[in-house]
Amino acid sequence: MTALHLRRAAERNLDSLRAVVALFDPDGGYVTGAAKTVNLRLREETLKQKDPAITLHWEFDVDPGTYLVRLVVREQESKAISALNRTVKIL
């Protein structure tokens, strides 16, 4: 997602992100997943930062092995969807 479509209200910049993460086994089978909603209420100072970021944290209890992690984020204001896939190896 390159830019958020923020809505200005009460001296804040508002938006809501719905993030869904899922783990898949090497054969593409679903292992586990979770979802979070992040409600943004950003100040102007935050938006002026060079590289503002949002950090999300999930923990999954899985066996050692290789997994595909898929993260999908949907922005409420514009309805834009972005996805990221990464392979991870759990030792």
N, C-alpha and C. Protein backbone atom coordinates (compact mmCIF):
# COMPACT_ATOMS: atom_id res chain seq x y z
N MET A 1 0.85 -1.15 0.00
CA MET A 1 0.00 0.00 0.00
C MET A 1 0.91 1.23 0.00
N THR A 2 0.80 2.04 -1.00
CA THR A 2 1.70 3.17 -1.09
C THR A 2 1.18 4.39 -0.35
N ALA A 3 -0.13 4.58 -0.31
CA ALA A 3 -0.68 5.74 0.39
C ALA A 3 -2.05 5.39 0.94
N LEU A 4 -2.31 5.88 2.12
CA LEU A 4 -3.61 5.68 2.72
C LEU A 4 -4.53 6.83 2.33
N HIS A 5 -5.81 6.56 2.30
CA HIS A 5 -6.81 7.57 2.00
C HIS A 5 -7.45 7.99 3.31
N LEU A 6 -6.78 8.90 3.99
CA LEU A 6 -7.20 9.31 5.33
C LEU A 6 -8.33 10.32 5.28
N ARG A 7 -9.18 10.25 6.28
CA ARG A 7 -10.29 11.17 6.44
C ARG A 7 -9.97 12.06 7.63
N ARG A 8 -10.07 13.36 7.45
CA ARG A 8 -9.73 14.32 8.51
C ARG A 8 -10.94 14.56 9.40
N ALA A 9 -10.74 14.43 10.72
CA ALA A 9 -11.80 14.70 11.69
C ALA A 9 -11.17 14.97 13.04
N ALA A 10 -11.65 15.98 13.72
CA ALA A 10 -11.19 16.32 15.07
C ALA A 10 -9.67 16.39 15.16
N GLU A 11 -9.06 17.09 14.21
CA GLU A 11 -7.61 17.30 14.16
C GLU A 11 -6.80 16.01 14.08
N ARG A 12 -7.42 14.96 13.59
CA ARG A 12 -6.74 13.68 13.38
C ARG A 12 -7.03 13.21 11.96
N ASN A 13 -6.16 12.31 11.49
CA ASN A 13 -6.33 11.69 10.19
C ASN A 13 -6.74 10.25 10.44
N LEU A 14 -7.95 9.90 9.99
CA LEU A 14 -8.56 8.64 10.35
C LEU A 14 -8.61 7.65 9.20
N ASP A 15 -8.45 6.41 9.53
CA ASP A 15 -8.66 5.30 8.60
C ASP A 15 -8.70 4.03 9.43
N SER A 16 -9.11 2.97 8.81
CA SER A 16 -9.16 1.68 9.48
C SER A 16 -8.58 0.64 8.52
N LEU A 17 -7.71 -0.21 9.04
CA LEU A 17 -7.11 -1.27 8.25
C LEU A 17 -7.53 -2.61 8.82
N ARG A 18 -7.91 -3.52 7.97
CA ARG A 18 -8.22 -4.90 8.38
C ARG A 18 -7.10 -5.77 7.83
N ALA A 19 -6.34 -6.39 8.74
CA ALA A 19 -5.19 -7.22 8.37
C ALA A 19 -5.51 -8.68 8.69
N VAL A 20 -5.29 -9.55 7.71
CA VAL A 20 -5.50 -10.98 7.88
C VAL A 20 -4.20 -11.67 7.51
N VAL A 21 -3.73 -12.56 8.40
CA VAL A 21 -2.52 -13.31 8.13
C VAL A 21 -2.87 -14.80 8.18
N ALA A 22 -2.25 -15.57 7.27
CA ALA A 22 -2.49 -17.00 7.25
C ALA A 22 -1.19 -17.73 6.96
N LEU A 23 -1.05 -18.90 7.56
CA LEU A 23 0.10 -19.78 7.31
C LEU A 23 -0.38 -20.99 6.51
N PHE A 24 0.40 -21.35 5.50
CA PHE A 24 0.10 -22.49 4.64
C PHE A 24 1.29 -23.44 4.65
N ASP A 25 1.02 -24.74 4.57
CA ASP A 25 2.10 -25.73 4.52
C ASP A 25 2.67 -25.76 3.10
N PRO A 26 3.76 -26.53 2.88
CA PRO A 26 4.41 -26.56 1.56
C PRO A 26 3.49 -27.03 0.43
N ASP A 27 2.41 -27.76 0.76
CA ASP A 27 1.46 -28.22 -0.26
C ASP A 27 0.33 -27.23 -0.50
N GLY A 28 0.37 -26.08 0.19
CA GLY A 28 -0.66 -25.06 0.03
C GLY A 28 -1.85 -25.23 0.95
N GLY A 29 -1.77 -26.18 1.87
CA GLY A 29 -2.86 -26.38 2.82
C GLY A 29 -2.84 -25.35 3.93
N TYR A 30 -4.02 -24.88 4.29
CA TYR A 30 -4.16 -23.90 5.36
C TYR A 30 -3.77 -24.53 6.69
N VAL A 31 -2.91 -23.83 7.47
CA VAL A 31 -2.49 -24.31 8.78
C VAL A 31 -3.18 -23.53 9.89
N THR A 32 -3.06 -22.22 9.86
CA THR A 32 -3.67 -21.36 10.87
C THR A 32 -3.69 -19.92 10.37
N GLY A 33 -4.41 -19.07 11.07
CA GLY A 33 -4.47 -17.67 10.68
C GLY A 33 -5.15 -16.83 11.75
N ALA A 34 -5.15 -15.55 11.53
CA ALA A 34 -5.76 -14.61 12.47
C ALA A 34 -6.01 -13.29 11.75
N ALA A 35 -6.82 -12.45 12.38
CA ALA A 35 -7.14 -11.15 11.80
C ALA A 35 -7.13 -10.08 12.89
N LYS A 36 -6.83 -8.86 12.46
CA LYS A 36 -6.84 -7.71 13.37
C LYS A 36 -7.39 -6.51 12.61
N THR A 37 -8.03 -5.63 13.35
CA THR A 37 -8.43 -4.34 12.81
C THR A 37 -7.60 -3.28 13.51
N VAL A 38 -7.01 -2.39 12.71
CA VAL A 38 -6.20 -1.30 13.25
C VAL A 38 -6.90 0.01 12.90
N ASN A 39 -7.33 0.71 13.93
CA ASN A 39 -7.98 2.00 13.73
C ASN A 39 -6.94 3.10 13.88
N LEU A 40 -6.70 3.81 12.79
CA LEU A 40 -5.69 4.87 12.77
C LEU A 40 -6.32 6.21 13.15
N ARG A 41 -5.62 6.93 14.01
CA ARG A 41 -5.98 8.29 14.41
C ARG A 41 -4.68 9.09 14.44
N LEU A 42 -4.16 9.42 13.29
CA LEU A 42 -2.81 9.97 13.16
C LEU A 42 -2.79 11.49 13.24
N ARG A 43 -1.77 12.00 13.92
CA ARG A 43 -1.53 13.44 13.97
C ARG A 43 -0.76 13.85 12.72
N GLU A 44 -0.79 15.14 12.43
CA GLU A 44 -0.04 15.67 11.29
C GLU A 44 1.46 15.39 11.42
N GLU A 45 1.99 15.47 12.65
CA GLU A 45 3.42 15.23 12.87
C GLU A 45 3.81 13.81 12.45
N THR A 46 2.94 12.86 12.70
CA THR A 46 3.21 11.48 12.32
C THR A 46 3.25 11.34 10.81
N LEU A 47 2.33 12.00 10.13
CA LEU A 47 2.28 11.91 8.67
C LEU A 47 3.50 12.55 8.01
N LYS A 48 4.12 13.50 8.69
CA LYS A 48 5.29 14.20 8.13
C LYS A 48 6.58 13.40 8.30
N GLN A 49 6.56 12.31 9.05
CA GLN A 49 7.76 11.50 9.22
C GLN A 49 8.19 10.93 7.88
N LYS A 50 9.49 10.70 7.74
CA LYS A 50 10.03 10.20 6.48
C LYS A 50 9.45 8.84 6.11
N ASP A 51 9.48 7.91 7.03
CA ASP A 51 8.99 6.56 6.78
C ASP A 51 8.08 6.09 7.91
N PRO A 52 6.87 6.65 8.02
CA PRO A 52 5.99 6.17 9.09
C PRO A 52 5.63 4.71 8.83
N ALA A 53 5.52 3.94 9.89
CA ALA A 53 5.24 2.51 9.74
C ALA A 53 4.24 2.06 10.79
N ILE A 54 3.59 0.96 10.49
CA ILE A 54 2.69 0.31 11.43
C ILE A 54 3.25 -1.10 11.64
N THR A 55 3.40 -1.49 12.89
CA THR A 55 3.89 -2.83 13.20
C THR A 55 2.75 -3.66 13.78
N LEU A 56 2.53 -4.82 13.19
CA LEU A 56 1.54 -5.76 13.69
C LEU A 56 2.27 -6.99 14.19
N HIS A 57 1.73 -7.62 15.23
CA HIS A 57 2.40 -8.76 15.83
C HIS A 57 1.41 -9.91 16.00
N TRP A 58 1.81 -11.08 15.53
CA TRP A 58 1.05 -12.30 15.73
C TRP A 58 1.98 -13.38 16.22
N GLU A 59 1.46 -14.30 17.01
CA GLU A 59 2.21 -15.49 17.43
C GLU A 59 1.37 -16.71 17.11
N PHE A 60 2.02 -17.72 16.50
CA PHE A 60 1.34 -18.96 16.17
C PHE A 60 2.15 -20.12 16.74
N ASP A 61 1.46 -21.08 17.31
CA ASP A 61 2.10 -22.28 17.83
C ASP A 61 2.06 -23.33 16.74
N VAL A 62 3.17 -23.46 15.99
CA VAL A 62 3.23 -24.40 14.87
C VAL A 62 4.46 -25.29 15.01
N ASP A 63 4.42 -26.43 14.36
CA ASP A 63 5.56 -27.36 14.35
C ASP A 63 6.68 -26.77 13.49
N PRO A 64 7.93 -27.21 13.75
CA PRO A 64 9.04 -26.79 12.88
C PRO A 64 8.74 -27.19 11.43
N GLY A 65 9.18 -26.35 10.51
CA GLY A 65 8.96 -26.63 9.09
C GLY A 65 8.96 -25.36 8.29
N THR A 66 8.64 -25.49 7.02
CA THR A 66 8.59 -24.36 6.10
C THR A 66 7.13 -24.00 5.85
N TYR A 67 6.83 -22.73 5.92
CA TYR A 67 5.47 -22.24 5.75
C TYR A 67 5.46 -21.04 4.81
N LEU A 68 4.35 -20.89 4.10
CA LEU A 68 4.09 -19.67 3.36
C LEU A 68 3.24 -18.80 4.27
N VAL A 69 3.68 -17.55 4.49
CA VAL A 69 2.92 -16.59 5.28
C VAL A 69 2.31 -15.60 4.30
N ARG A 70 1.00 -15.45 4.35
CA ARG A 70 0.31 -14.50 3.48
C ARG A 70 -0.38 -13.46 4.35
N LEU A 71 -0.08 -12.19 4.08
CA LEU A 71 -0.69 -11.06 4.78
C LEU A 71 -1.53 -10.29 3.77
N VAL A 72 -2.78 -10.07 4.09
CA VAL A 72 -3.67 -9.28 3.24
C VAL A 72 -4.21 -8.13 4.09
N VAL A 73 -4.12 -6.91 3.55
CA VAL A 73 -4.59 -5.71 4.27
C VAL A 73 -5.61 -5.00 3.39
N ARG A 74 -6.75 -4.66 4.00
CA ARG A 74 -7.79 -3.92 3.30
C ARG A 74 -7.99 -2.59 4.01
N GLU A 75 -7.94 -1.53 3.24
CA GLU A 75 -8.14 -0.19 3.78
C GLU A 75 -9.62 0.17 3.70
N GLN A 76 -10.16 0.64 4.80
CA GLN A 76 -11.58 0.95 4.89
C GLN A 76 -11.99 2.11 3.99
N GLU A 77 -11.24 3.19 4.00
CA GLU A 77 -11.65 4.40 3.28
C GLU A 77 -11.72 4.19 1.77
N SER A 78 -10.70 3.58 1.17
CA SER A 78 -10.66 3.42 -0.29
C SER A 78 -11.07 2.03 -0.75
N LYS A 79 -11.16 1.10 0.19
CA LYS A 79 -11.44 -0.31 -0.10
C LYS A 79 -10.28 -0.98 -0.84
N ALA A 80 -9.12 -0.34 -0.85
CA ALA A 80 -7.93 -0.92 -1.52
C ALA A 80 -7.46 -2.15 -0.74
N ILE A 81 -6.94 -3.11 -1.49
CA ILE A 81 -6.42 -4.34 -0.89
C ILE A 81 -4.98 -4.52 -1.34
N SER A 82 -4.13 -4.92 -0.39
CA SER A 82 -2.73 -5.19 -0.68
C SER A 82 -2.36 -6.52 -0.03
N ALA A 83 -1.47 -7.28 -0.68
CA ALA A 83 -1.08 -8.58 -0.13
C ALA A 83 0.44 -8.74 -0.20
N LEU A 84 0.94 -9.55 0.71
CA LEU A 84 2.37 -9.85 0.78
C LEU A 84 2.51 -11.32 1.12
N ASN A 85 3.38 -12.02 0.40
CA ASN A 85 3.65 -13.43 0.65
C ASN A 85 5.13 -13.61 0.95
N ARG A 86 5.44 -14.42 1.97
CA ARG A 86 6.82 -14.72 2.32
C ARG A 86 6.89 -16.16 2.78
N THR A 87 8.00 -16.81 2.46
CA THR A 87 8.26 -18.16 2.96
C THR A 87 9.13 -18.04 4.20
N VAL A 88 8.77 -18.75 5.26
CA VAL A 88 9.56 -18.75 6.50
C VAL A 88 9.86 -20.18 6.88
N LYS A 89 11.00 -20.35 7.52
CA LYS A 89 11.39 -21.67 8.01
C LYS A 89 11.45 -21.59 9.53
N ILE A 90 10.66 -22.42 10.21
CA ILE A 90 10.63 -22.47 11.67
C ILE A 90 11.52 -23.63 12.10
N LEU A 91 12.51 -23.32 12.93
CA LEU A 91 13.44 -24.36 13.39
C LEU A 91 12.98 -25.01 14.68
